[in-house]
Protein backbone atom coordinates (compact mmCIF):
# COMPACT_ATOMS: atom_id res chain seq x y z
CA MET A 1 0.00 0.00 0.00
CA HIS A 2 2.75 2.47 0.86
CA ASN A 3 3.96 2.70 -2.73
CA LEU A 4 0.57 3.84 -4.05
CA THR A 5 0.04 7.40 -5.27
CA LEU A 6 -3.05 9.41 -4.25
CA ALA A 7 -4.67 8.63 -7.60
CA GLU A 8 -4.00 4.89 -7.15
CA ILE A 9 -5.33 5.01 -3.57
CA ALA A 10 -8.53 6.63 -4.84
CA ARG A 11 -9.03 3.82 -7.38
CA ASN A 12 -8.34 1.09 -4.82
CA LEU A 13 -10.69 2.60 -2.25
CA ALA A 14 -13.42 2.99 -4.88
CA GLU A 15 -12.96 -0.68 -5.86
CA LYS A 16 -13.03 -1.70 -2.16
CA ARG A 17 -9.66 -3.46 -2.35
CA PHE A 18 -8.98 -2.08 1.13
CA SER A 19 -10.65 0.37 3.48
CA ALA A 20 -9.47 3.81 4.56
CA GLU A 21 -9.04 2.44 8.08
CA GLU A 22 -6.81 -0.42 6.89
CA LEU A 23 -4.73 2.00 4.83
CA THR A 24 -4.42 4.43 7.75
CA ARG A 25 -3.36 1.75 10.23
CA THR A 26 -0.74 0.43 7.77
CA THR A 27 0.61 3.95 7.18
CA LEU A 28 0.74 4.78 10.90
CA ALA A 29 2.69 1.56 11.51
CA ARG A 30 5.25 2.60 8.86
CA ILE A 31 5.61 6.03 10.45
CA GLU A 32 6.23 4.45 13.87
CA GLN A 33 8.80 2.06 12.38
CA LEU A 34 10.71 4.37 10.03
CA ASP A 35 10.31 7.99 11.13
CA PRO A 36 12.94 7.75 13.92
CA GLN A 37 15.53 7.56 11.11
CA LEU A 38 14.21 10.72 9.44
CA ASN A 39 12.64 12.93 12.15
CA ALA A 40 10.02 14.04 9.61
CA PHE A 41 7.10 14.29 12.07
CA ILE A 42 6.71 16.66 15.01
CA SER A 43 3.33 15.21 16.03
CA VAL A 44 1.62 11.98 14.93
CA THR A 45 -2.16 12.15 15.32
CA ASP A 46 -3.04 8.44 15.58
CA GLU A 47 -6.46 8.79 17.22
CA LEU A 48 -7.65 11.58 14.93
CA ALA A 49 -6.44 9.65 11.87
CA ILE A 50 -8.33 6.47 12.81
CA GLU A 51 -11.45 8.52 13.56
CA GLN A 52 -11.25 10.33 10.21
CA ALA A 53 -10.58 7.06 8.36
CA LYS A 54 -13.67 5.45 9.87
CA ALA A 55 -15.70 8.51 8.91
CA ALA A 56 -14.35 8.29 5.33
CA ASP A 57 -15.33 4.61 5.13
CA ALA A 58 -18.82 5.49 6.36
CA ARG A 59 -19.14 8.22 3.72
CA ARG A 60 -18.10 5.75 1.01
CA ALA A 61 -20.58 3.20 2.32
CA ALA A 62 -23.27 5.89 2.02
CA GLY A 63 -22.45 6.35 -1.67
CA GLU A 64 -19.85 9.13 -1.70
CA ASN A 65 -16.84 8.60 -3.95
CA GLY A 66 -14.61 11.69 -3.74
CA VAL A 67 -11.06 11.21 -5.02
CA LEU A 68 -9.51 12.29 -1.71
CA LEU A 69 -12.01 10.48 0.51
CA GLY A 70 -9.90 8.35 2.86
CA ALA A 71 -6.52 9.51 1.50
CA PRO A 72 -3.84 9.85 4.22
CA ILE A 73 -1.84 13.09 4.25
CA GLY A 74 0.23 15.23 6.63
CA HIS A 75 0.34 18.97 7.24
CA LYS A 76 3.41 21.15 7.56
CA ASP A 77 3.42 22.28 11.18
CA LEU A 78 2.50 25.89 10.49
CA PHE A 79 -1.05 25.15 9.38
CA CYS A 80 -3.30 25.64 12.40
CA THR A 81 -5.05 22.43 13.43
CA GLN A 82 -7.76 22.67 16.06
CA GLY A 83 -6.73 21.10 19.37
CA ILE A 84 -3.42 19.82 17.95
CA ARG A 85 -0.03 21.39 18.54
CA THR A 86 1.00 23.89 15.87
CA SER A 87 4.64 24.61 16.69
CA CYS A 88 6.16 26.13 13.51
CA GLY A 89 9.25 24.12 14.49
CA SER A 90 9.90 26.60 17.33
CA LYS A 91 10.32 26.39 21.10
CA ILE A 92 8.22 29.53 21.41
CA LEU A 93 5.13 27.67 20.10
CA ASP A 94 5.94 24.23 21.52
CA ASN A 95 2.89 24.43 23.81
CA PHE A 96 0.50 26.14 21.36
CA LYS A 97 -2.66 24.30 20.34
CA ALA A 98 -4.64 26.22 17.76
CA PRO A 99 -8.31 26.92 18.59
CA TYR A 100 -9.31 26.61 14.92
CA ASN A 101 -8.35 24.95 11.62
CA ALA A 102 -6.57 26.75 8.79
CA THR A 103 -8.68 27.07 5.64
CA VAL A 104 -6.38 24.61 3.81
CA VAL A 105 -6.81 22.07 6.64
CA GLU A 106 -10.58 22.63 6.68
CA ARG A 107 -10.94 22.18 2.92
CA LEU A 108 -8.86 19.02 2.77
CA ALA A 109 -10.76 17.58 5.75
CA ALA A 110 -14.05 18.35 4.00
CA ALA A 111 -12.72 16.44 0.95
CA GLY A 112 -12.27 13.44 3.26
CA THR A 113 -8.50 13.34 3.77
CA VAL A 114 -7.07 11.63 6.85
CA THR A 115 -4.55 13.70 8.86
CA LEU A 116 -1.66 11.48 10.01
CA GLY A 117 0.24 14.26 11.77
CA LYS A 118 2.15 17.52 11.66
CA LEU A 119 5.44 17.61 9.79
CA ASN A 120 8.81 19.01 10.81
CA MET A 121 10.05 22.25 9.29
CA ASP A 122 12.67 24.96 9.62
CA GLU A 123 11.73 27.24 12.52
CA PHE A 124 9.02 29.65 11.28
CA ALA A 125 9.83 28.41 7.75
CA MET A 126 13.19 30.20 7.81
CA GLY A 127 15.77 27.96 6.18
CA SER A 128 16.75 25.86 3.17
CA ALA A 129 17.86 22.71 4.96
CA ASN A 130 15.37 21.88 7.74
CA GLU A 131 18.20 22.19 10.26
CA SER A 132 16.81 25.16 12.24
CA SER A 133 13.89 23.23 13.80
CA TYR A 134 13.64 23.16 17.60
CA TYR A 135 12.84 19.43 17.18
CA GLY A 136 16.11 18.66 15.42
CA PRO A 137 17.11 18.33 11.75
CA VAL A 138 15.22 16.22 9.22
CA LYS A 139 17.28 13.73 7.22
CA ASN A 140 17.09 13.06 3.51
CA PRO A 141 15.90 9.47 2.83
CA TRP A 142 18.15 9.30 -0.24
CA ASP A 143 21.19 9.79 2.03
CA LEU A 144 20.64 10.09 5.78
CA THR A 145 23.80 12.20 6.14
CA ARG A 146 22.32 14.93 3.93
CA VAL A 147 19.63 17.60 4.24
CA PRO A 148 16.20 17.17 2.60
CA GLY A 149 15.95 20.88 1.80
CA GLY A 150 13.70 23.35 3.55
CA SER A 151 11.69 24.76 4.95
CA SER A 152 9.13 22.02 4.09
CA GLY A 153 11.75 19.31 4.72
CA GLY A 154 9.55 17.15 6.94
CA SER A 155 6.84 16.99 4.27
CA ALA A 156 9.42 16.16 1.59
CA ALA A 157 11.26 13.47 3.56
CA ALA A 158 8.02 11.76 4.66
CA ILE A 159 6.66 11.54 1.11
CA ALA A 160 9.98 10.47 -0.41
CA ALA A 161 10.30 7.68 2.20
CA ARG A 162 6.75 6.50 1.44
CA LEU A 163 5.52 7.33 4.97
CA LEU A 164 2.59 9.09 3.31
CA PRO A 165 1.57 9.73 -0.32
CA ALA A 166 1.24 13.53 -0.15
CA ALA A 167 1.41 16.52 2.19
CA THR A 168 0.93 20.25 2.42
CA GLY A 169 3.87 22.62 2.30
CA THR A 170 4.45 26.35 2.12
CA ASP A 171 6.73 28.32 -0.15
CA THR A 172 8.11 31.77 0.75
CA GLY A 173 11.28 31.62 -1.33
CA GLY A 174 11.32 28.04 -2.63
CA SER A 175 10.32 26.03 0.45
CA ILE A 176 8.10 23.63 -1.52
CA ARG A 177 10.13 23.42 -4.73
CA GLN A 178 13.65 23.18 -3.28
CA PRO A 179 12.97 20.23 -0.92
CA ALA A 180 10.92 18.57 -3.69
CA ALA A 181 14.00 18.78 -5.93
CA LEU A 182 16.35 17.38 -3.28
CA THR A 183 14.07 14.42 -2.46
CA ASN A 184 12.72 13.44 -5.93
CA LEU A 185 9.18 14.85 -5.58
CA THR A 186 6.78 17.05 -7.49
CA GLY A 187 6.06 20.26 -5.59
CA LEU A 188 3.89 23.21 -6.65
CA LYS A 189 3.92 26.81 -5.41
CA PRO A 190 0.65 28.32 -6.67
CA THR A 191 0.14 31.93 -7.72
CA TYR A 192 0.11 34.28 -4.71
CA GLY A 193 -3.52 34.45 -3.55
CA ARG A 194 -4.61 31.18 -5.16
CA VAL A 195 -4.53 29.21 -1.87
CA SER A 196 -5.81 30.79 1.34
CA ARG A 197 -3.23 31.84 3.94
CA TRP A 198 -5.83 32.04 6.72
CA GLY A 199 -4.60 29.92 9.61
CA MET A 200 -1.13 29.57 8.07
CA VAL A 201 1.33 31.10 10.55
CA ALA A 202 3.01 34.00 8.76
CA TYR A 203 6.70 34.38 7.94
CA ALA A 204 6.66 36.97 5.14
CA SER A 205 3.06 37.81 4.30
CA SER A 206 3.59 39.12 0.75
CA LEU A 207 5.62 36.02 -0.24
CA ASP A 208 4.10 33.04 1.67
CA GLN A 209 1.93 30.62 -0.30
CA GLY A 210 0.67 27.14 0.59
CA GLY A 211 0.79 24.32 -1.93
CA PRO A 212 0.83 20.55 -2.51
CA MET A 213 3.77 18.13 -2.40
CA ALA A 214 3.51 14.60 -3.80
CA ARG A 215 5.33 12.12 -6.02
CA THR A 216 3.41 12.96 -9.22
CA ALA A 217 1.89 15.97 -10.96
CA GLU A 218 -1.43 14.10 -11.00
CA ASP A 219 -1.41 13.90 -7.19
CA CYS A 220 -0.54 17.59 -6.90
CA ALA A 221 -3.51 18.35 -9.18
CA LEU A 222 -5.80 16.31 -6.90
CA LEU A 223 -4.62 18.17 -3.79
CA LEU A 224 -4.65 21.62 -5.39
CA SER A 225 -8.22 21.10 -6.59
CA ALA A 226 -9.28 20.75 -2.95
CA MET A 227 -6.93 23.39 -1.46
CA ALA A 228 -7.35 26.29 -3.87
CA GLY A 229 -10.08 28.88 -4.21
CA PHE A 230 -11.27 32.19 -2.84
CA ASP A 231 -11.47 32.65 0.93
CA ALA A 232 -13.20 35.74 2.35
CA LYS A 233 -11.17 35.31 5.56
CA ASP A 234 -7.90 36.00 3.70
CA SER A 235 -7.65 39.58 2.43
CA THR A 236 -5.00 38.55 -0.14
CA SER A 237 -7.07 35.66 -1.54
CA VAL A 238 -7.99 36.18 -5.21
CA ASP A 239 -11.58 35.65 -6.31
CA GLN A 240 -10.96 33.94 -9.64
CA PRO A 241 -12.51 30.70 -10.93
CA LEU A 242 -10.43 27.53 -10.57
CA ASP A 243 -9.23 25.64 -13.63
CA ASP A 244 -9.98 21.94 -13.94
CA TYR A 245 -6.48 20.80 -13.01
CA LEU A 246 -7.16 17.11 -13.63
CA ALA A 247 -8.67 17.67 -17.09
CA ALA A 248 -5.67 19.80 -18.08
CA LEU A 249 -3.19 16.97 -17.38
CA SER A 250 -3.93 15.13 -20.62
CA GLN A 251 -3.49 18.10 -22.98
CA PRO A 252 -0.77 17.48 -25.61
CA LEU A 253 2.34 19.67 -25.52
CA ALA A 254 2.48 20.32 -29.28
CA GLY A 255 3.29 23.98 -29.82
CA LEU A 256 4.32 24.64 -26.20
CA ARG A 257 6.90 27.45 -26.12
CA ILE A 258 9.59 26.90 -23.46
CA GLY A 259 11.98 29.67 -22.44
CA LEU A 260 15.47 28.94 -21.11
CA PRO A 261 16.86 31.99 -19.27
CA LYS A 262 20.53 32.45 -20.08
CA GLU A 263 21.09 33.74 -16.52
CA TYR A 264 20.22 30.28 -15.11
CA PHE A 265 23.18 28.57 -16.77
CA SER A 266 25.96 30.57 -15.14
CA ALA A 267 29.09 29.68 -13.19
CA GLY A 268 27.18 28.93 -9.97
CA LEU A 269 25.31 25.93 -11.44
CA ASP A 270 26.66 22.38 -11.02
CA PRO A 271 27.47 21.30 -14.63
CA LYS A 272 25.93 17.86 -14.04
CA ILE A 273 22.65 19.49 -13.00
CA ALA A 274 22.80 21.62 -16.17
CA ASP A 275 23.14 18.40 -18.20
CA ALA A 276 20.10 16.87 -16.46
CA VAL A 277 18.08 20.02 -17.17
CA MET A 278 18.98 19.92 -20.85
CA ALA A 279 18.10 16.22 -21.01
CA SER A 280 14.61 17.09 -19.74
CA VAL A 281 14.36 19.79 -22.42
CA GLU A 282 15.11 17.16 -25.09
CA GLU A 283 12.28 14.96 -23.76
CA LEU A 284 9.85 17.87 -23.90
CA LYS A 285 10.97 18.66 -27.46
CA LYS A 286 10.04 15.09 -28.44
CA LEU A 287 6.57 15.82 -27.05
CA GLY A 288 6.20 18.78 -29.41
CA ALA A 289 7.59 21.71 -27.43
CA THR A 290 9.83 24.39 -28.93
CA VAL A 291 12.67 26.06 -27.01
CA THR A 292 13.86 29.68 -27.03
CA GLU A 293 16.63 31.39 -25.08
CA ILE A 294 15.31 34.31 -23.02
CA SER A 295 16.74 36.77 -20.52
CA LEU A 296 15.73 37.71 -16.98
CA PRO A 297 18.20 40.58 -16.54
CA ASN A 298 17.30 41.48 -12.94
CA MET A 299 17.63 37.95 -11.56
CA GLN A 300 21.06 38.82 -10.15
CA HIS A 301 19.37 41.20 -7.69
CA ALA A 302 16.81 38.65 -6.46
CA ILE A 303 18.67 37.32 -3.41
CA PRO A 304 19.61 40.74 -1.94
CA SER A 305 16.06 41.97 -2.58
CA TYR A 306 14.46 38.90 -1.02
CA TYR A 307 16.72 38.92 2.04
CA VAL A 308 15.64 42.47 2.82
CA ILE A 309 11.88 42.08 2.15
CA ALA A 310 11.37 38.67 3.82
CA PRO A 311 13.21 39.50 7.10
CA ALA A 312 11.50 42.91 7.26
CA GLU A 313 8.07 41.27 7.07
CA ALA A 314 9.20 38.55 9.49
CA SER A 315 10.33 41.09 12.09
CA SER A 316 6.85 42.59 11.97
CA ASN A 317 4.96 39.28 11.95
CA LEU A 318 6.99 37.71 14.76
CA SER A 319 6.57 40.70 17.08
CA ARG A 320 3.34 39.03 18.29
CA PHE A 321 5.33 36.29 20.04
CA ASP A 322 6.08 38.21 23.22
CA GLY A 323 5.36 35.78 26.07
CA VAL A 324 2.13 37.58 26.98
CA ARG A 325 -0.75 36.06 25.01
CA PHE A 326 0.33 32.59 23.94
CA GLY A 327 3.40 30.43 23.48
CA TYR A 328 6.54 30.22 25.58
CA ARG A 329 6.99 32.51 28.60
CA CYS A 330 10.27 32.89 30.52
CA GLU A 331 10.49 31.96 34.21
CA ASN A 332 10.13 34.67 36.89
CA PRO A 333 10.38 37.88 34.83
CA VAL A 334 11.29 40.92 36.94
CA ASP A 335 9.20 43.31 34.82
CA LEU A 336 7.45 43.56 31.43
CA THR A 337 10.64 44.44 29.52
CA ASP A 338 12.41 41.43 31.04
CA LEU A 339 9.43 39.24 30.06
CA TYR A 340 9.65 40.38 26.43
CA LYS A 341 13.41 40.10 26.19
CA ARG A 342 13.91 36.72 27.82
CA SER A 343 10.80 35.04 26.35
CA ARG A 344 11.97 35.93 22.84
CA ALA A 345 15.67 35.28 23.50
CA GLU A 346 14.93 31.84 24.99
CA GLY A 347 12.08 30.97 22.60
CA PHE A 348 13.54 31.80 19.19
CA GLY A 349 16.44 29.97 17.52
CA ASP A 350 19.52 31.56 15.96
CA GLU A 351 18.28 31.77 12.35
CA VAL A 352 15.00 33.40 13.38
CA LYS A 353 16.85 35.92 15.58
CA ARG A 354 19.21 36.66 12.68
CA ARG A 355 16.35 37.45 10.32
CA ILE A 356 14.40 39.48 12.90
CA MET A 357 17.49 41.64 13.48
CA VAL A 358 18.14 42.13 9.75
CA GLY A 359 14.48 42.98 9.16
CA THR A 360 14.19 45.37 12.07
CA TYR A 361 17.33 47.17 10.89
CA ALA A 362 15.99 47.44 7.32
CA LEU A 363 12.75 49.00 8.59
CA SER A 364 14.36 51.39 11.07
CA ALA A 365 14.25 55.17 10.66
CA GLY A 366 16.87 56.34 8.21
CA TYR A 367 17.27 52.91 6.55
CA TYR A 368 13.74 52.19 5.27
CA ASP A 369 14.27 54.07 1.99
CA ALA A 370 17.81 52.79 1.51
CA TYR A 371 16.94 49.11 1.99
CA TYR A 372 13.26 48.12 2.13
CA LEU A 373 11.99 50.61 -0.45
CA LYS A 374 14.90 49.85 -2.79
CA ALA A 375 14.25 46.11 -2.47
CA GLN A 376 10.58 46.64 -3.38
CA LYS A 377 11.63 48.59 -6.48
CA ILE A 378 13.88 45.70 -7.53
CA ARG A 379 10.95 43.35 -6.91
CA ARG A 380 8.87 45.30 -9.42
CA LEU A 381 11.67 45.04 -12.00
CA ILE A 382 11.83 41.26 -11.50
CA LYS A 383 8.06 41.04 -12.02
CA GLN A 384 8.35 43.10 -15.22
CA ASP A 385 11.08 40.75 -16.49
CA PHE A 386 8.65 37.83 -16.17
CA VAL A 387 5.77 39.72 -17.79
CA ALA A 388 8.03 40.51 -20.77
CA ALA A 389 9.33 36.93 -20.96
CA PHE A 390 5.83 35.46 -20.99
CA GLU A 391 4.98 37.51 -24.07
CA GLN A 392 7.50 35.28 -25.91
CA VAL A 393 7.05 31.90 -24.17
CA ASP A 394 4.40 29.83 -22.34
CA VAL A 395 6.62 28.43 -19.58
CA ILE A 396 10.13 29.06 -18.29
CA LEU A 397 12.31 26.03 -17.52
CA GLY A 398 15.53 25.70 -15.56
CA PRO A 399 17.18 24.02 -12.57
CA THR A 400 15.37 24.18 -9.23
CA THR A 401 18.62 24.28 -7.25
CA PRO A 402 22.24 25.08 -8.21
CA ASN A 403 23.57 22.11 -6.22
CA LEU A 404 22.59 18.66 -4.95
CA ALA A 405 21.55 18.03 -1.33
CA TRP A 406 24.46 18.98 0.93
CA LYS A 407 25.73 17.30 4.09
CA LEU A 408 23.97 17.98 7.39
CA GLY A 409 25.74 20.87 9.15
CA GLU A 410 27.85 21.73 6.10
CA LYS A 411 26.50 25.28 5.69
CA ASN A 412 25.71 26.08 9.34
CA ALA A 413 28.78 28.27 9.82
CA ASP A 414 28.04 30.27 6.65
CA PRO A 415 24.31 31.15 6.41
CA VAL A 416 24.83 33.16 3.21
CA SER A 417 25.98 30.04 1.33
CA ALA A 418 22.63 28.43 2.25
CA TYR A 419 20.77 31.58 1.12
CA LEU A 420 22.41 31.24 -2.31
CA GLU A 421 20.72 27.85 -2.78
CA ASP A 422 17.46 29.82 -3.31
CA ILE A 423 18.75 31.69 -6.37
CA TYR A 424 16.39 30.00 -8.88
CA THR A 425 13.29 29.78 -6.69
CA ILE A 426 12.88 33.16 -4.96
CA THR A 427 12.07 35.12 -8.13
CA ALA A 428 8.70 33.35 -8.42
CA ASN A 429 7.79 34.49 -4.89
CA LEU A 430 8.93 38.06 -5.50
CA ALA A 431 6.82 38.20 -8.68
CA GLY A 432 3.93 36.12 -7.28
CA ILE A 433 3.88 33.71 -10.24
CA PRO A 434 3.34 29.92 -9.95
CA GLY A 435 6.28 27.51 -9.98
CA LEU A 436 6.68 23.74 -9.97
CA SER A 437 9.63 21.42 -9.40
CA MET A 438 9.61 17.92 -10.90
CA PRO A 439 12.06 14.99 -10.72
CA ALA A 440 14.51 14.98 -13.62
CA GLY A 441 17.22 12.46 -12.85
CA PHE A 442 19.97 11.47 -10.41
CA ILE A 443 23.62 12.36 -9.95
CA ASP A 444 25.67 10.01 -7.77
CA GLY A 445 22.42 8.61 -6.33
CA LEU A 446 21.01 12.04 -5.38
CA PRO A 447 17.88 13.52 -7.00
CA VAL A 448 17.85 16.47 -9.41
CA GLY A 449 14.84 18.73 -9.89
CA VAL A 450 13.77 20.84 -12.86
CA GLN A 451 11.70 23.97 -12.26
CA LEU A 452 8.85 25.23 -14.44
CA LEU A 453 7.41 28.76 -14.12
CA ALA A 454 4.23 30.08 -15.75
CA PRO A 455 2.16 33.29 -15.89
CA TYR A 456 -0.28 34.13 -13.10
CA PHE A 457 -2.98 31.52 -12.38
CA GLN A 458 -1.61 29.04 -14.94
CA GLU A 459 -1.03 26.21 -12.45
CA ALA A 460 -2.92 23.94 -14.86
CA ARG A 461 -0.26 24.54 -17.53
CA LEU A 462 2.57 23.65 -15.12
CA LEU A 463 0.80 20.47 -13.98
CA ASN A 464 0.10 19.56 -17.61
CA VAL A 465 3.75 19.89 -18.66
CA ALA A 466 4.99 17.95 -15.61
CA HIS A 467 2.39 15.20 -16.11
CA GLN A 468 3.23 14.76 -19.78
CA TYR A 469 6.94 14.60 -18.91
CA GLN A 470 6.18 11.97 -16.25
CA GLN A 471 4.38 9.84 -18.85
CA VAL A 472 7.65 9.37 -20.75
CA THR A 473 10.12 9.24 -17.83
CA ASP A 474 10.25 7.19 -14.64
CA TRP A 475 12.40 9.39 -12.36
CA HIS A 476 9.40 10.22 -10.18
CA MET A 477 8.69 6.51 -9.54
CA ARG A 478 12.08 5.72 -8.01
CA ALA A 479 12.23 5.18 -4.27
CA PRO A 480 15.15 5.48 -1.83
CA ALA A 481 16.71 2.19 -0.66
CA GLY A 482 15.55 1.03 2.74
CA PHE A 483 12.16 2.72 2.50
């Protein structure tokens, strides 16, 4: 059962080959057996999962046949789940149980999914390696001495190791796509505003976006169909009709115009990854696509722009964690100032403190115009580069990451080297466009991901291209040894 995709699970449940309860019990047993090697879960919700599985079986017995009815999934631990710990991978929220469900959680529950637990992540989604979690680092199932990517590393490792078929993630600068690339998954960051952020604990509000992670584009389409859509509770949610993501999967690629940005293939890219990317381009050409070289001239400014905007928003968002209303509180504060200082100093980890300090500095009097305002101007230029590029091409293709998964602890002494791993992914967040990473091969036993970008609200196009590619390749079907 553990090797089945969401689509295969749906068919098996509909044909009554097994029940949702049997599937859930089998999956929970695998998590208990194998997760200690990976540290992918922060909380496992056994009782809730069995209860939801029984409810799904009852709904099927009553004649319902939804594609996600009885499908086991996990949630990244920054989606609020009523009565269940929502920690954001941080000591400061270790004791926080949300009083309500996030919209994404609510919608997937309504579709009949079974929640197996909450998945490990970089603290407050700040990181590219899943090493900043209060609950310890997550390990990559393809090589347990390496990182799975971040910040949605728990989701990625759990799916790659076949502990569950799919999960939710969030992407602020690549946190769905980068771990998907490093663990051989398909991961989709939707257009900003396509998926509700209500109940999703904020890191950088103008960049954060929830999305699906799974082994196949078809499974991502199934999840996105349930997750996406307008939500009046989220002021940044866009009221635009949803495409039929499943119907779009089967569209032929004849005439598809692919753009290859010349800036992607620079000195910083591992040459073997470049070769894998070009091999995927050749496969897509066989399916009828044409390829054009394009330019994204402001891409070089993306990392400095992002690492001003995201920390600035984080310093504002994380000011609410003060030891007063919820979360961790220091022992025996002498006064209110001491309460604030020690609760935050003891509750936040190093990477979060680093970004709060950078962001607070960038927003301070005298520096706002020099840093934050300038970064926002660069952001607009990056968006205009994409708008111009999409007048020539339908999708943009390139590597998801410049390097393969690195060793645990390798970049801890040099945070900037880890920031540089986001070079290809953060532009989509700055511009708000959708992006997808799909499996595209292996180098020395480690997965390689290829990224696709499309114009606003064209998630269906990305899923279509990835699905058609996955019909003629088998990279996405390969599993790590021992899992």
